[in-house]
């Protein structure tokens, strides 16, 4: 319903949803009589979200009569959220600048300690803003064989090659980490699923071109699980990918 309002196909409030053509053709909203769905915007006009509510009972015209007040409140809320959002972005940049002590010496990427700290901070921001995002886990295949047959120097070079690929493919806002051994993680806060799909495709292509074999797992942020649990889900997907090759 909110998407129909944002697209301009339905009014932001209605005391009788059944009288709104765009919302009367879909059985998903069968139990809704009256509704409110008012966009909340960033200062630049982009969509932050919506203030929404629904009532199974059809009401009178009180909703429409209070549209101006509800719209004003949403504008004020949008301004407050935008200030908080910009402050959170500034904190994120400051945190990134403190990563020297949390850098993996072999790859130059974030180490496990830094990854844990960033993930904890992103968890707090996600509870506040609920921006879309994802976690990608990459595990290199055949590391033991490389170390045993070619030596640990070759294994280190293999890990470094993988780290360079990850750093090159990830966008500037991504958090790229070597989690340990031959496992890497990419946290992608404030990133749409389609952009994550594209990144996974780029990674797979870049790894093939560099002759690096790996397994990849991905999980999207969800209000139903913590980012630590999202990490576990991505890790499980990576292992499913690895097992499917045998």
C-alpha atoms as a PDB file:
ATOM      1  CA  UNK A   1       0.000   0.000   0.000  1.00  0.00           C
ATOM      2  CA  UNK A   2       2.782   2.403   0.896  1.00  0.00           C
ATOM      3  CA  UNK A   3       4.451   1.864  -2.475  1.00  0.00           C
ATOM      4  CA  UNK A   4       1.209   2.729  -4.273  1.00  0.00           C
ATOM      5  CA  UNK A   5       1.020   5.984  -2.295  1.00  0.00           C
ATOM      6  CA  UNK A   6       4.681   6.844  -2.980  1.00  0.00           C
ATOM      7  CA  UNK A   7       4.139   6.181  -6.696  1.00  0.00           C
ATOM      8  CA  UNK A   8       1.167   8.553  -6.677  1.00  0.00           C
ATOM      9  CA  UNK A   9      -1.404   5.872  -7.428  1.00  0.00           C
ATOM     10  CA  UNK A  10      -3.260   6.294  -4.129  1.00  0.00           C
ATOM     11  CA  UNK A  11      -3.935   9.158  -1.708  1.00  0.00           C
ATOM     12  CA  UNK A  12      -1.903   9.264   1.524  1.00  0.00           C
ATOM     13  CA  UNK A  13      -5.000   8.796   3.697  1.00  0.00           C
ATOM     14  CA  UNK A  14      -8.380   7.213   3.113  1.00  0.00           C
ATOM     15  CA  UNK A  15     -11.253   6.422   5.447  1.00  0.00           C
ATOM     16  CA  UNK A  16     -12.385   3.736   3.007  1.00  0.00           C
ATOM     17  CA  UNK A  17      -9.663   1.782   1.242  1.00  0.00           C
ATOM     18  CA  UNK A  18     -12.183   0.012  -0.990  1.00  0.00           C
ATOM     19  CA  UNK A  19     -12.963   3.315  -2.723  1.00  0.00           C
ATOM     20  CA  UNK A  20      -9.344   3.738  -3.853  1.00  0.00           C
ATOM     21  CA  UNK A  21      -9.008   1.982  -7.254  1.00  0.00           C
ATOM     22  CA  UNK A  22      -5.284   1.186  -6.905  1.00  0.00           C
ATOM     23  CA  UNK A  23      -5.899  -0.490  -3.537  1.00  0.00           C
ATOM     24  CA  UNK A  24      -9.217  -2.223  -4.185  1.00  0.00           C
ATOM     25  CA  UNK A  25      -7.978  -4.707  -6.797  1.00  0.00           C
ATOM     26  CA  UNK A  26      -5.596  -6.669  -4.561  1.00  0.00           C
ATOM     27  CA  UNK A  27      -6.772  -9.353  -2.118  1.00  0.00           C
ATOM     28  CA  UNK A  28      -3.739  -8.722   0.095  1.00  0.00           C
ATOM     29  CA  UNK A  29      -5.495  -5.686   1.587  1.00  0.00           C
ATOM     30  CA  UNK A  30      -8.882  -7.348   1.986  1.00  0.00           C
ATOM     31  CA  UNK A  31      -8.955  -6.847   5.778  1.00  0.00           C
ATOM     32  CA  UNK A  32      -8.077  -3.134   5.719  1.00  0.00           C
ATOM     33  CA  UNK A  33     -10.845  -0.548   5.903  1.00  0.00           C
ATOM     34  CA  UNK A  34      -9.058   2.758   6.542  1.00  0.00           C
ATOM     35  CA  UNK A  35      -5.361   3.572   6.267  1.00  0.00           C
ATOM     36  CA  UNK A  36      -2.693   6.254   6.589  1.00  0.00           C
ATOM     37  CA  UNK A  37       0.515   6.163   4.540  1.00  0.00           C
ATOM     38  CA  UNK A  38       2.476   9.410   4.463  1.00  0.00           C
ATOM     39  CA  UNK A  39       5.981   9.533   2.957  1.00  0.00           C
ATOM     40  CA  UNK A  40       8.880  10.626   5.165  1.00  0.00           C
ATOM     41  CA  UNK A  41      11.583  12.291   3.081  1.00  0.00           C
ATOM     42  CA  UNK A  42      15.242  13.206   3.445  1.00  0.00           C
ATOM     43  CA  UNK A  43      16.107  16.883   2.970  1.00  0.00           C
ATOM     44  CA  UNK A  44      17.144  16.131  -0.613  1.00  0.00           C
ATOM     45  CA  UNK A  45      13.668  14.763  -1.376  1.00  0.00           C
ATOM     46  CA  UNK A  46      14.658  11.085  -1.427  1.00  0.00           C
ATOM     47  CA  UNK A  47      12.429   8.625   0.377  1.00  0.00           C
ATOM     48  CA  UNK A  48      13.341   7.615   3.937  1.00  0.00           C
ATOM     49  CA  UNK A  49      10.200   5.604   4.622  1.00  0.00           C
ATOM     50  CA  UNK A  50       6.547   6.114   5.438  1.00  0.00           C
ATOM     51  CA  UNK A  51       4.399   6.727   8.470  1.00  0.00           C
ATOM     52  CA  UNK A  52       1.718   4.115   8.034  1.00  0.00           C
ATOM     53  CA  UNK A  53      -1.226   2.695   9.891  1.00  0.00           C
ATOM     54  CA  UNK A  54      -4.279   0.630   9.089  1.00  0.00           C
ATOM     55  CA  UNK A  55      -7.680  -0.069  10.611  1.00  0.00           C
ATOM     56  CA  UNK A  56      -9.919  -3.001   9.656  1.00  0.00           C
ATOM     57  CA  UNK A  57     -12.953  -0.762  10.146  1.00  0.00           C
ATOM     58  CA  UNK A  58     -14.010   1.863   7.609  1.00  0.00           C
ATOM     59  CA  UNK A  59     -14.031   5.272   9.287  1.00  0.00           C
ATOM     60  CA  UNK A  60     -15.432   8.737   8.696  1.00  0.00           C
ATOM     61  CA  UNK A  61     -13.638  11.682   7.103  1.00  0.00           C
ATOM     62  CA  UNK A  62     -11.499  12.470  10.180  1.00  0.00           C
ATOM     63  CA  UNK A  63      -8.370  11.080   8.477  1.00  0.00           C
ATOM     64  CA  UNK A  64      -8.734  13.298   5.426  1.00  0.00           C
ATOM     65  CA  UNK A  65      -9.527  16.293   7.678  1.00  0.00           C
ATOM     66  CA  UNK A  66      -6.191  15.839   9.495  1.00  0.00           C
ATOM     67  CA  UNK A  67      -4.035  15.245   6.410  1.00  0.00           C
ATOM     68  CA  UNK A  68      -2.318  18.649   6.648  1.00  0.00           C
ATOM     69  CA  UNK A  69      -1.359  18.069  10.287  1.00  0.00           C
ATOM     70  CA  UNK A  70      -0.120  14.535   9.594  1.00  0.00           C
ATOM     71  CA  UNK A  71       1.926  15.772   6.640  1.00  0.00           C
ATOM     72  CA  UNK A  72       3.509  18.504   8.776  1.00  0.00           C
ATOM     73  CA  UNK A  73       4.414  16.005  11.488  1.00  0.00           C
ATOM     74  CA  UNK A  74       6.032  13.730   8.891  1.00  0.00           C
ATOM     75  CA  UNK A  75       8.074  16.632   7.545  1.00  0.00           C
ATOM     76  CA  UNK A  76       9.300  17.408  11.063  1.00  0.00           C
ATOM     77  CA  UNK A  77      10.060  13.727  11.639  1.00  0.00           C
ATOM     78  CA  UNK A  78      11.944  13.611   8.334  1.00  0.00           C
ATOM     79  CA  UNK A  79      14.075  16.580   9.385  1.00  0.00           C
ATOM     80  CA  UNK A  80      14.909  14.972  12.743  1.00  0.00           C
ATOM     81  CA  UNK A  81      15.738  11.633  11.156  1.00  0.00           C
ATOM     82  CA  UNK A  82      17.890  13.323   8.518  1.00  0.00           C
ATOM     83  CA  UNK A  83      19.951  15.089  11.202  1.00  0.00           C
ATOM     84  CA  UNK A  84      20.378  11.787  13.054  1.00  0.00           C
ATOM     85  CA  UNK A  85      21.267  10.040   9.791  1.00  0.00           C
ATOM     86  CA  UNK A  86      23.955  12.592   8.919  1.00  0.00           C
ATOM     87  CA  UNK A  87      25.364  12.333  12.443  1.00  0.00           C
ATOM     88  CA  UNK A  88      25.501   8.544  12.120  1.00  0.00           C
ATOM     89  CA  UNK A  89      27.303   8.879   8.784  1.00  0.00           C
ATOM     90  CA  UNK A  90      29.882  11.174  10.381  1.00  0.00           C
ATOM     91  CA  UNK A  91      30.433   8.677  13.203  1.00  0.00           C
ATOM     92  CA  UNK A  92      30.880   5.907  10.628  1.00  0.00           C
ATOM     93  CA  UNK A  93      33.571   7.916   8.828  1.00  0.00           C
ATOM     94  CA  UNK A  94      35.329   8.632  12.133  1.00  0.00           C
ATOM     95  CA  UNK A  95      35.279   4.927  12.992  1.00  0.00           C
ATOM     96  CA  UNK A  96      36.781   4.070   9.624  1.00  0.00           C
ATOM     97  CA  UNK A  97      39.636   6.467  10.318  1.00  0.00           C
ATOM     98  CA  UNK A  98      40.532   4.505  13.483  1.00  0.00           C
ATOM     99  CA  UNK A  99      41.142   1.216  11.736  1.00  0.00           C
ATOM    100  CA  UNK A 100      44.943   1.228  11.620  1.00  0.00           C
ATOM    101  CA  UNK A 101      45.198  -1.001  14.706  1.00  0.00           C
ATOM    102  CA  UNK A 102      42.583  -3.329  13.239  1.00  0.00           C
ATOM    103  CA  UNK A 103      44.246  -4.005   9.894  1.00  0.00           C
ATOM    104  CA  UNK A 104      45.346  -7.422   8.652  1.00  0.00           C
ATOM    105  CA  UNK A 105      49.090  -7.084   7.833  1.00  0.00           C
ATOM    106  CA  UNK A 106      49.036  -9.577   4.953  1.00  0.00           C
ATOM    107  CA  UNK A 107      46.167  -8.089   2.923  1.00  0.00           C
ATOM    108  CA  UNK A 108      45.779  -4.579   4.320  1.00  0.00           C
ATOM    109  CA  UNK A 109      42.106  -5.332   4.951  1.00  0.00           C
ATOM    110  CA  UNK A 110      40.232  -5.024   8.223  1.00  0.00           C
ATOM    111  CA  UNK A 111      41.011  -7.850  10.640  1.00  0.00           C
ATOM    112  CA  UNK A 112      38.551  -9.918  12.692  1.00  0.00           C
ATOM    113  CA  UNK A 113      38.672  -7.535  15.647  1.00  0.00           C
ATOM    114  CA  UNK A 114      37.817  -4.575  13.463  1.00  0.00           C
ATOM    115  CA  UNK A 115      35.073  -6.516  11.691  1.00  0.00           C
ATOM    116  CA  UNK A 116      33.422  -7.361  15.020  1.00  0.00           C
ATOM    117  CA  UNK A 117      33.521  -3.747  16.155  1.00  0.00           C
ATOM    118  CA  UNK A 118      32.118  -2.399  12.889  1.00  0.00           C
ATOM    119  CA  UNK A 119      29.376  -5.007  12.860  1.00  0.00           C
ATOM    120  CA  UNK A 120      28.354  -4.058  16.396  1.00  0.00           C
ATOM    121  CA  UNK A 121      28.179  -0.384  15.424  1.00  0.00           C
ATOM    122  CA  UNK A 122      26.195  -1.179  12.273  1.00  0.00           C
ATOM    123  CA  UNK A 123      23.763  -3.219  14.362  1.00  0.00           C
ATOM    124  CA  UNK A 124      22.944  -0.108  16.418  1.00  0.00           C
ATOM    125  CA  UNK A 125      22.474   1.984  13.266  1.00  0.00           C
ATOM    126  CA  UNK A 126      20.336  -0.678  11.634  1.00  0.00           C
ATOM    127  CA  UNK A 127      17.958  -0.757  14.617  1.00  0.00           C
ATOM    128  CA  UNK A 128      17.603   3.014  14.243  1.00  0.00           C
ATOM    129  CA  UNK A 129      17.300   3.408  10.473  1.00  0.00           C
ATOM    130  CA  UNK A 130      16.586  -0.091   9.075  1.00  0.00           C
ATOM    131  CA  UNK A 131      18.522   0.680   5.884  1.00  0.00           C
ATOM    132  CA  UNK A 132      18.861  -2.279   3.515  1.00  0.00           C
ATOM    133  CA  UNK A 133      22.178  -4.098   3.550  1.00  0.00           C
ATOM    134  CA  UNK A 134      23.882  -7.457   3.234  1.00  0.00           C
ATOM    135  CA  UNK A 135      26.812  -9.559   4.400  1.00  0.00           C
ATOM    136  CA  UNK A 136      28.896 -11.559   1.932  1.00  0.00           C
ATOM    137  CA  UNK A 137      31.239 -14.338   3.079  1.00  0.00           C
ATOM    138  CA  UNK A 138      34.020 -15.567   0.784  1.00  0.00           C
ATOM    139  CA  UNK A 139      36.099 -18.670   1.515  1.00  0.00           C
ATOM    140  CA  UNK A 140      39.032 -19.659  -0.699  1.00  0.00           C
ATOM    141  CA  UNK A 141      39.010 -23.222  -2.034  1.00  0.00           C
ATOM    142  CA  UNK A 142      42.046 -25.476  -1.980  1.00  0.00           C
ATOM    143  CA  UNK A 143      44.249 -23.488   0.382  1.00  0.00           C
ATOM    144  CA  UNK A 144      45.626 -26.603   2.091  1.00  0.00           C
ATOM    145  CA  UNK A 145      46.651 -28.076  -1.260  1.00  0.00           C
ATOM    146  CA  UNK A 146      48.409 -24.839  -2.260  1.00  0.00           C
ATOM    147  CA  UNK A 147      50.285 -24.641   1.050  1.00  0.00           C
ATOM    148  CA  UNK A 148      51.248 -28.331   0.974  1.00  0.00           C
ATOM    149  CA  UNK A 149      52.317 -28.466  -2.676  1.00  0.00           C
ATOM    150  CA  UNK A 150      53.640 -24.961  -3.367  1.00  0.00           C
ATOM    151  CA  UNK A 151      54.573 -23.696   0.071  1.00  0.00           C
ATOM    152  CA  UNK A 152      53.195 -21.097   2.440  1.00  0.00           C
ATOM    153  CA  UNK A 153      54.644 -18.202   0.430  1.00  0.00           C
ATOM    154  CA  UNK A 154      52.430 -19.250  -2.488  1.00  0.00           C
ATOM    155  CA  UNK A 155      49.514 -19.545  -0.073  1.00  0.00           C
ATOM    156  CA  UNK A 156      50.141 -16.011   1.202  1.00  0.00           C
ATOM    157  CA  UNK A 157      50.255 -14.705  -2.365  1.00  0.00           C
ATOM    158  CA  UNK A 158      46.940 -16.459  -3.065  1.00  0.00           C
ATOM    159  CA  UNK A 159      45.332 -14.796  -0.050  1.00  0.00           C
ATOM    160  CA  UNK A 160      46.756 -11.404  -1.054  1.00  0.00           C
ATOM    161  CA  UNK A 161      45.380 -11.821  -4.582  1.00  0.00           C
ATOM    162  CA  UNK A 162      41.937 -12.540  -3.163  1.00  0.00           C
ATOM    163  CA  UNK A 163      42.150  -9.532  -0.847  1.00  0.00           C
ATOM    164  CA  UNK A 164      42.990  -7.211  -3.749  1.00  0.00           C
ATOM    165  CA  UNK A 165      40.004  -8.511  -5.718  1.00  0.00           C
ATOM    166  CA  UNK A 166      37.641  -7.914  -2.819  1.00  0.00           C
ATOM    167  CA  UNK A 167      38.965  -4.406  -2.187  1.00  0.00           C
ATOM    168  CA  UNK A 168      38.755  -3.522  -5.887  1.00  0.00           C
ATOM    169  CA  UNK A 169      35.205  -4.787  -6.381  1.00  0.00           C
ATOM    170  CA  UNK A 170      33.611  -3.441  -3.188  1.00  0.00           C
ATOM    171  CA  UNK A 171      32.196   0.096  -3.245  1.00  0.00           C
ATOM    172  CA  UNK A 172      33.666   2.768  -0.884  1.00  0.00           C
ATOM    173  CA  UNK A 173      31.013   2.292   1.809  1.00  0.00           C
ATOM    174  CA  UNK A 174      31.620  -1.440   2.108  1.00  0.00           C
ATOM    175  CA  UNK A 175      33.487  -2.991   5.030  1.00  0.00           C
ATOM    176  CA  UNK A 176      35.940  -5.612   3.730  1.00  0.00           C
ATOM    177  CA  UNK A 177      37.700  -7.887   6.205  1.00  0.00           C
ATOM    178  CA  UNK A 178      39.945 -10.895   6.371  1.00  0.00           C
ATOM    179  CA  UNK A 179      38.166 -12.896   9.040  1.00  0.00           C
ATOM    180  CA  UNK A 180      40.992 -15.381   9.416  1.00  0.00           C
ATOM    181  CA  UNK A 181      42.993 -17.825   7.324  1.00  0.00           C
ATOM    182  CA  UNK A 182      41.320 -18.037   3.931  1.00  0.00           C
ATOM    183  CA  UNK A 183      37.946 -16.524   4.882  1.00  0.00           C
ATOM    184  CA  UNK A 184      36.825 -12.974   4.073  1.00  0.00           C
ATOM    185  CA  UNK A 185      33.744 -10.925   4.851  1.00  0.00           C
ATOM    186  CA  UNK A 186      32.102  -7.939   3.206  1.00  0.00           C
ATOM    187  CA  UNK A 187      29.510  -5.931   5.143  1.00  0.00           C
ATOM    188  CA  UNK A 188      27.382  -3.713   2.927  1.00  0.00           C
ATOM    189  CA  UNK A 189      25.346  -1.261   5.019  1.00  0.00           C
ATOM    190  CA  UNK A 190      22.879   1.044   3.275  1.00  0.00           C
ATOM    191  CA  UNK A 191      23.034  -1.030   0.072  1.00  0.00           C
ATOM    192  CA  UNK A 192      20.077  -2.146  -2.036  1.00  0.00           C
ATOM    193  CA  UNK A 193      19.743  -5.890  -2.809  1.00  0.00           C
ATOM    194  CA  UNK A 194      20.185  -5.304  -6.550  1.00  0.00           C
ATOM    195  CA  UNK A 195      23.527  -3.606  -5.914  1.00  0.00           C
ATOM    196  CA  UNK A 196      24.577  -6.607  -3.820  1.00  0.00           C
ATOM    197  CA  UNK A 197      23.531  -8.955  -6.637  1.00  0.00           C
ATOM    198  CA  UNK A 198      25.739  -6.963  -9.013  1.00  0.00           C
ATOM    199  CA  UNK A 199      28.674  -7.058  -6.590  1.00  0.00           C
ATOM    200  CA  UNK A 200      28.423 -10.847  -6.235  1.00  0.00           C
ATOM    201  CA  UNK A 201      28.461 -11.180 -10.043  1.00  0.00           C
ATOM    202  CA  UNK A 202      31.517  -8.896 -10.261  1.00  0.00           C
ATOM    203  CA  UNK A 203      33.311 -10.889  -7.577  1.00  0.00           C
ATOM    204  CA  UNK A 204      32.630 -14.209  -9.276  1.00  0.00           C
ATOM    205  CA  UNK A 205      33.911 -12.866 -12.595  1.00  0.00           C
ATOM    206  CA  UNK A 206      36.997 -11.241 -11.051  1.00  0.00           C
ATOM    207  CA  UNK A 207      37.911 -14.395  -9.139  1.00  0.00           C
ATOM    208  CA  UNK A 208      37.591 -16.508 -12.297  1.00  0.00           C
ATOM    209  CA  UNK A 209      39.759 -14.088 -14.260  1.00  0.00           C
ATOM    210  CA  UNK A 210      42.407 -14.136 -11.525  1.00  0.00           C
ATOM    211  CA  UNK A 211      42.320 -17.941 -11.327  1.00  0.00           C
ATOM    212  CA  UNK A 212      41.220 -17.850  -7.680  1.00  0.00           C
ATOM    213  CA  UNK A 213      38.748 -20.543  -6.642  1.00  0.00           C
ATOM    214  CA  UNK A 214      36.339 -19.622  -3.886  1.00  0.00           C
ATOM    215  CA  UNK A 215      32.898 -20.204  -2.407  1.00  0.00           C
ATOM    216  CA  UNK A 216      30.545 -17.289  -1.741  1.00  0.00           C
ATOM    217  CA  UNK A 217      27.586 -16.920   0.609  1.00  0.00           C
ATOM    218  CA  UNK A 218      25.298 -13.901   1.003  1.00  0.00           C
ATOM    219  CA  UNK A 219      22.556 -12.909   3.458  1.00  0.00           C
ATOM    220  CA  UNK A 220      20.519  -9.697   3.635  1.00  0.00           C
ATOM    221  CA  UNK A 221      19.927  -7.613   6.760  1.00  0.00           C
ATOM    222  CA  UNK A 222      16.617  -8.409   8.434  1.00  0.00           C
ATOM    223  CA  UNK A 223      14.663  -7.011  11.358  1.00  0.00           C
ATOM    224  CA  UNK A 224      14.115 -10.628  12.430  1.00  0.00           C
ATOM    225  CA  UNK A 225      17.772 -11.376  13.176  1.00  0.00           C
ATOM    226  CA  UNK A 226      20.889  -9.622  14.406  1.00  0.00           C
ATOM    227  CA  UNK A 227      23.801  -8.828  12.094  1.00  0.00           C
ATOM    228  CA  UNK A 228      25.758 -11.561  13.858  1.00  0.00           C
ATOM    229  CA  UNK A 229      23.003 -14.008  12.902  1.00  0.00           C
ATOM    230  CA  UNK A 230      23.011 -12.581   9.368  1.00  0.00           C
ATOM    231  CA  UNK A 231      26.732 -13.331   9.271  1.00  0.00           C
ATOM    232  CA  UNK A 232      26.007 -16.921  10.375  1.00  0.00           C
ATOM    233  CA  UNK A 233      23.393 -17.226   7.610  1.00  0.00           C
ATOM    234  CA  UNK A 234      25.848 -15.963   4.971  1.00  0.00           C
ATOM    235  CA  UNK A 235      28.481 -18.358   6.315  1.00  0.00           C
ATOM    236  CA  UNK A 236      26.045 -21.275   6.034  1.00  0.00           C
ATOM    237  CA  UNK A 237      25.219 -20.250   2.451  1.00  0.00           C
ATOM    238  CA  UNK A 238      28.937 -20.173   1.655  1.00  0.00           C
ATOM    239  CA  UNK A 239      29.394 -23.725   2.954  1.00  0.00           C
ATOM    240  CA  UNK A 240      26.383 -24.877   0.922  1.00  0.00           C
ATOM    241  CA  UNK A 241      28.040 -23.394  -2.141  1.00  0.00           C
ATOM    242  CA  UNK A 242      31.307 -25.163  -1.283  1.00  0.00           C
ATOM    243  CA  UNK A 243      29.605 -28.544  -0.783  1.00  0.00           C
ATOM    244  CA  UNK A 244      27.713 -28.219  -4.062  1.00  0.00           C
ATOM    245  CA  UNK A 245      31.037 -28.367  -5.941  1.00  0.00           C
ATOM    246  CA  UNK A 246      31.796 -31.895  -4.758  1.00  0.00           C
END
